[in-house]
Amino acid sequence: MGWELNDVEQPFVAQLEKLGWTHIAGNFDNPAATLRTSFAEVIQESVLRERLRGVYRRGKPVHVVCGAMGDWLVIVTVYIPTPPKFKNPYERG
């Protein structure tokens, strides 16, 4: 792993943590350590579903930016529209 881990990945993880993200340390032998059933999963589906349900239950609209990649639907980002970028959930500010 070397330089990429030290110079790229770890500083990026630290930056995301400062923004409120949660880091879950991985394990090369156990995908369950990162809440996945296999290493083929690129997102933590159970965490995404739980978080989206929580937002939905609070009555907040959610914007999901997606793109197609072959037969896959790729989630780019998920966010709650808030001022000043949005006047309301449906209109940019």
N, C-alpha and C. Protein backbone atom coordinates (compact mmCIF):
# COMPACT_ATOMS: atom_id res chain seq x y z
N MET A 1 0.84 -1.19 0.00
CA MET A 1 0.00 0.00 0.00
C MET A 1 0.88 1.25 0.00
N GLY A 2 1.80 1.35 0.93
CA GLY A 2 2.82 2.38 0.91
C GLY A 2 2.36 3.82 0.79
N TRP A 3 2.95 4.52 -0.16
CA TRP A 3 2.75 5.96 -0.29
C TRP A 3 1.29 6.33 -0.53
N GLU A 4 0.56 5.54 -1.30
CA GLU A 4 -0.84 5.89 -1.60
C GLU A 4 -1.68 5.91 -0.32
N LEU A 5 -1.48 4.93 0.53
CA LEU A 5 -2.21 4.89 1.80
C LEU A 5 -1.84 6.09 2.66
N ASN A 6 -0.55 6.35 2.80
CA ASN A 6 -0.08 7.42 3.68
C ASN A 6 -0.33 8.82 3.13
N ASP A 7 -0.12 9.01 1.83
CA ASP A 7 -0.18 10.35 1.24
C ASP A 7 -1.53 10.71 0.63
N VAL A 8 -2.37 9.72 0.37
CA VAL A 8 -3.65 10.00 -0.28
C VAL A 8 -4.84 9.55 0.58
N GLU A 9 -4.92 8.26 0.85
CA GLU A 9 -6.10 7.71 1.52
C GLU A 9 -6.28 8.22 2.95
N GLN A 10 -5.25 8.11 3.77
CA GLN A 10 -5.40 8.53 5.17
C GLN A 10 -5.70 10.02 5.32
N PRO A 11 -5.02 10.93 4.58
CA PRO A 11 -5.39 12.34 4.68
C PRO A 11 -6.82 12.61 4.21
N PHE A 12 -7.27 11.88 3.18
CA PHE A 12 -8.63 12.06 2.68
C PHE A 12 -9.65 11.59 3.71
N VAL A 13 -9.40 10.45 4.34
CA VAL A 13 -10.29 9.95 5.38
C VAL A 13 -10.34 10.94 6.54
N ALA A 14 -9.19 11.49 6.93
CA ALA A 14 -9.15 12.47 8.02
C ALA A 14 -9.98 13.71 7.66
N GLN A 15 -9.90 14.14 6.42
CA GLN A 15 -10.67 15.30 5.97
C GLN A 15 -12.17 14.99 6.03
N LEU A 16 -12.57 13.82 5.59
CA LEU A 16 -13.99 13.44 5.63
C LEU A 16 -14.49 13.35 7.07
N GLU A 17 -13.66 12.83 7.97
CA GLU A 17 -14.05 12.75 9.37
C GLU A 17 -14.29 14.14 9.96
N LYS A 18 -13.47 15.11 9.58
CA LYS A 18 -13.66 16.48 10.06
C LYS A 18 -14.98 17.07 9.56
N LEU A 19 -15.47 16.55 8.42
CA LEU A 19 -16.74 17.01 7.86
C LEU A 19 -17.93 16.24 8.42
N GLY A 20 -17.67 15.30 9.34
CA GLY A 20 -18.76 14.58 9.98
C GLY A 20 -18.98 13.17 9.47
N TRP A 21 -18.17 12.70 8.54
CA TRP A 21 -18.30 11.34 8.04
C TRP A 21 -17.76 10.37 9.09
N THR A 22 -18.22 9.12 9.02
CA THR A 22 -17.75 8.08 9.92
C THR A 22 -16.85 7.13 9.15
N HIS A 23 -15.66 6.87 9.68
CA HIS A 23 -14.73 5.95 9.05
C HIS A 23 -14.84 4.59 9.72
N ILE A 24 -14.97 3.55 8.92
CA ILE A 24 -14.98 2.18 9.44
C ILE A 24 -13.75 1.49 8.86
N ALA A 25 -12.82 1.13 9.72
CA ALA A 25 -11.59 0.48 9.25
C ALA A 25 -11.90 -0.85 8.59
N GLY A 26 -11.28 -1.09 7.46
CA GLY A 26 -11.51 -2.32 6.71
C GLY A 26 -10.67 -3.49 7.20
N ASN A 27 -10.90 -4.63 6.57
CA ASN A 27 -10.17 -5.84 6.88
C ASN A 27 -10.07 -6.63 5.58
N PHE A 28 -8.85 -6.97 5.16
CA PHE A 28 -8.66 -7.65 3.87
C PHE A 28 -9.28 -9.04 3.82
N ASP A 29 -9.59 -9.63 4.96
CA ASP A 29 -10.11 -10.99 5.00
C ASP A 29 -11.59 -11.08 5.35
N ASN A 30 -12.17 -9.97 5.81
CA ASN A 30 -13.52 -10.04 6.33
C ASN A 30 -14.37 -8.86 5.85
N PRO A 31 -15.18 -9.04 4.81
CA PRO A 31 -16.01 -7.94 4.32
C PRO A 31 -17.03 -7.46 5.35
N ALA A 32 -17.42 -8.32 6.27
CA ALA A 32 -18.40 -7.93 7.30
C ALA A 32 -17.86 -6.83 8.20
N ALA A 33 -16.53 -6.67 8.27
CA ALA A 33 -15.94 -5.61 9.09
C ALA A 33 -16.36 -4.23 8.58
N THR A 34 -16.69 -4.14 7.30
CA THR A 34 -17.15 -2.87 6.71
C THR A 34 -18.62 -2.94 6.31
N LEU A 35 -19.35 -3.79 7.01
CA LEU A 35 -20.81 -3.93 6.84
C LEU A 35 -21.22 -4.32 5.44
N ARG A 36 -20.40 -5.18 4.80
CA ARG A 36 -20.71 -5.71 3.47
C ARG A 36 -20.75 -7.23 3.55
N THR A 37 -21.45 -7.86 2.62
CA THR A 37 -21.49 -9.32 2.60
C THR A 37 -20.38 -9.91 1.74
N SER A 38 -19.82 -9.10 0.82
CA SER A 38 -18.69 -9.54 0.00
C SER A 38 -17.89 -8.32 -0.43
N PHE A 39 -16.67 -8.55 -0.91
CA PHE A 39 -15.83 -7.44 -1.36
C PHE A 39 -16.31 -6.89 -2.71
N ALA A 40 -17.22 -7.59 -3.36
CA ALA A 40 -17.78 -7.09 -4.62
C ALA A 40 -18.71 -5.90 -4.38
N GLU A 41 -19.24 -5.76 -3.18
CA GLU A 41 -20.11 -4.63 -2.84
C GLU A 41 -19.25 -3.38 -2.68
N VAL A 42 -19.61 -2.32 -3.41
CA VAL A 42 -18.82 -1.10 -3.33
C VAL A 42 -19.44 -0.05 -2.42
N ILE A 43 -20.66 -0.28 -1.97
CA ILE A 43 -21.28 0.62 -0.99
C ILE A 43 -21.78 -0.22 0.18
N GLN A 44 -21.99 0.42 1.28
CA GLN A 44 -22.56 -0.25 2.44
C GLN A 44 -24.07 -0.10 2.32
N GLU A 45 -24.68 -1.02 1.59
CA GLU A 45 -26.10 -0.91 1.27
C GLU A 45 -26.96 -0.82 2.52
N SER A 46 -26.66 -1.60 3.54
CA SER A 46 -27.48 -1.57 4.76
C SER A 46 -27.42 -0.20 5.43
N VAL A 47 -26.24 0.43 5.44
CA VAL A 47 -26.09 1.76 6.04
C VAL A 47 -26.83 2.79 5.20
N LEU A 48 -26.69 2.73 3.88
CA LEU A 48 -27.38 3.68 3.00
C LEU A 48 -28.90 3.57 3.18
N ARG A 49 -29.42 2.36 3.20
CA ARG A 49 -30.87 2.18 3.37
C ARG A 49 -31.33 2.74 4.72
N GLU A 50 -30.58 2.46 5.77
CA GLU A 50 -30.94 2.94 7.11
C GLU A 50 -30.95 4.47 7.16
N ARG A 51 -29.94 5.10 6.61
CA ARG A 51 -29.84 6.56 6.63
C ARG A 51 -30.94 7.21 5.81
N LEU A 52 -31.22 6.64 4.62
CA LEU A 52 -32.28 7.21 3.79
C LEU A 52 -33.65 7.05 4.44
N ARG A 53 -33.88 5.92 5.09
CA ARG A 53 -35.14 5.73 5.80
C ARG A 53 -35.29 6.77 6.91
N GLY A 54 -34.21 7.03 7.63
CA GLY A 54 -34.25 8.01 8.71
C GLY A 54 -34.58 9.39 8.21
N VAL A 55 -33.99 9.79 7.09
CA VAL A 55 -34.28 11.11 6.50
C VAL A 55 -35.72 11.15 6.05
N TYR A 56 -36.18 10.09 5.38
CA TYR A 56 -37.54 10.04 4.87
C TYR A 56 -38.56 10.12 6.02
N ARG A 57 -38.31 9.42 7.10
CA ARG A 57 -39.23 9.42 8.24
C ARG A 57 -39.34 10.79 8.89
N ARG A 58 -38.29 11.58 8.81
CA ARG A 58 -38.34 12.93 9.37
C ARG A 58 -39.02 13.90 8.41
N GLY A 59 -39.48 13.42 7.27
CA GLY A 59 -40.21 14.26 6.33
C GLY A 59 -39.35 15.19 5.51
N LYS A 60 -38.06 14.92 5.44
CA LYS A 60 -37.18 15.78 4.67
C LYS A 60 -37.00 15.20 3.27
N PRO A 61 -37.08 16.07 2.25
CA PRO A 61 -36.82 15.58 0.89
C PRO A 61 -35.34 15.27 0.71
N VAL A 62 -35.06 14.31 -0.11
CA VAL A 62 -33.68 13.88 -0.35
C VAL A 62 -33.41 13.97 -1.85
N HIS A 63 -32.27 14.53 -2.21
CA HIS A 63 -31.83 14.54 -3.60
C HIS A 63 -30.79 13.45 -3.78
N VAL A 64 -30.96 12.64 -4.81
CA VAL A 64 -30.02 11.58 -5.11
C VAL A 64 -29.50 11.82 -6.52
N VAL A 65 -28.19 11.97 -6.67
CA VAL A 65 -27.57 12.16 -7.97
C VAL A 65 -27.03 10.81 -8.41
N CYS A 66 -27.54 10.34 -9.57
CA CYS A 66 -27.17 9.02 -10.06
C CYS A 66 -26.65 9.11 -11.49
N GLY A 67 -26.00 8.06 -11.91
CA GLY A 67 -25.55 7.95 -13.29
C GLY A 67 -25.57 6.49 -13.70
N ALA A 68 -25.65 6.27 -14.99
CA ALA A 68 -25.64 4.90 -15.51
C ALA A 68 -24.22 4.51 -15.90
N MET A 69 -23.86 3.28 -15.55
CA MET A 69 -22.57 2.74 -15.94
C MET A 69 -22.82 1.30 -16.41
N GLY A 70 -23.02 1.17 -17.70
CA GLY A 70 -23.40 -0.14 -18.23
C GLY A 70 -24.78 -0.51 -17.72
N ASP A 71 -24.89 -1.67 -17.10
CA ASP A 71 -26.16 -2.13 -16.53
C ASP A 71 -26.36 -1.67 -15.10
N TRP A 72 -25.43 -0.89 -14.58
CA TRP A 72 -25.47 -0.46 -13.19
C TRP A 72 -26.01 0.95 -13.06
N LEU A 73 -26.72 1.19 -11.98
CA LEU A 73 -27.09 2.54 -11.59
C LEU A 73 -26.13 2.94 -10.48
N VAL A 74 -25.38 4.00 -10.70
CA VAL A 74 -24.35 4.42 -9.76
C VAL A 74 -24.83 5.63 -8.97
N ILE A 75 -24.83 5.52 -7.65
CA ILE A 75 -25.18 6.66 -6.80
C ILE A 75 -23.92 7.50 -6.62
N VAL A 76 -24.01 8.76 -7.07
CA VAL A 76 -22.87 9.66 -6.97
C VAL A 76 -22.87 10.34 -5.62
N THR A 77 -24.02 10.88 -5.24
CA THR A 77 -24.14 11.53 -3.94
C THR A 77 -25.60 11.58 -3.52
N VAL A 78 -25.82 11.71 -2.23
CA VAL A 78 -27.16 11.85 -1.65
C VAL A 78 -27.09 13.01 -0.68
N TYR A 79 -28.04 13.96 -0.79
CA TYR A 79 -28.00 15.10 0.11
C TYR A 79 -29.40 15.65 0.35
N ILE A 80 -29.52 16.41 1.42
CA ILE A 80 -30.77 17.11 1.73
C ILE A 80 -30.59 18.55 1.25
N PRO A 81 -31.45 19.04 0.36
CA PRO A 81 -31.31 20.41 -0.14
C PRO A 81 -31.60 21.44 0.94
N THR A 82 -30.64 22.33 1.18
CA THR A 82 -30.78 23.35 2.22
C THR A 82 -30.31 24.70 1.70
N PRO A 83 -30.77 25.78 2.33
CA PRO A 83 -30.29 27.12 1.97
C PRO A 83 -28.79 27.21 2.29
N PRO A 84 -28.05 28.03 1.62
CA PRO A 84 -28.46 29.03 0.64
C PRO A 84 -28.54 28.49 -0.78
N LYS A 85 -28.10 27.24 -1.00
CA LYS A 85 -28.12 26.72 -2.37
C LYS A 85 -29.54 26.47 -2.87
N PHE A 86 -30.49 26.22 -1.95
CA PHE A 86 -31.87 25.96 -2.33
C PHE A 86 -32.83 26.89 -1.58
N LYS A 87 -33.76 27.50 -2.32
CA LYS A 87 -34.80 28.31 -1.68
C LYS A 87 -35.77 27.40 -0.94
N ASN A 88 -36.06 26.29 -1.58
CA ASN A 88 -36.91 25.25 -1.02
C ASN A 88 -36.42 23.92 -1.62
N PRO A 89 -36.99 22.79 -1.26
CA PRO A 89 -36.48 21.52 -1.76
C PRO A 89 -36.50 21.36 -3.27
N TYR A 90 -37.27 22.21 -3.96
CA TYR A 90 -37.45 22.02 -5.39
C TYR A 90 -36.90 23.16 -6.25
N GLU A 91 -36.36 24.20 -5.60
CA GLU A 91 -35.92 25.39 -6.32
C GLU A 91 -34.58 25.88 -5.79
N ARG A 92 -33.61 25.99 -6.70
CA ARG A 92 -32.28 26.49 -6.30
C ARG A 92 -32.35 27.95 -5.90
N GLY A 93 -31.52 28.35 -4.93
CA GLY A 93 -31.53 29.70 -4.40
C GLY A 93 -30.70 30.67 -5.19
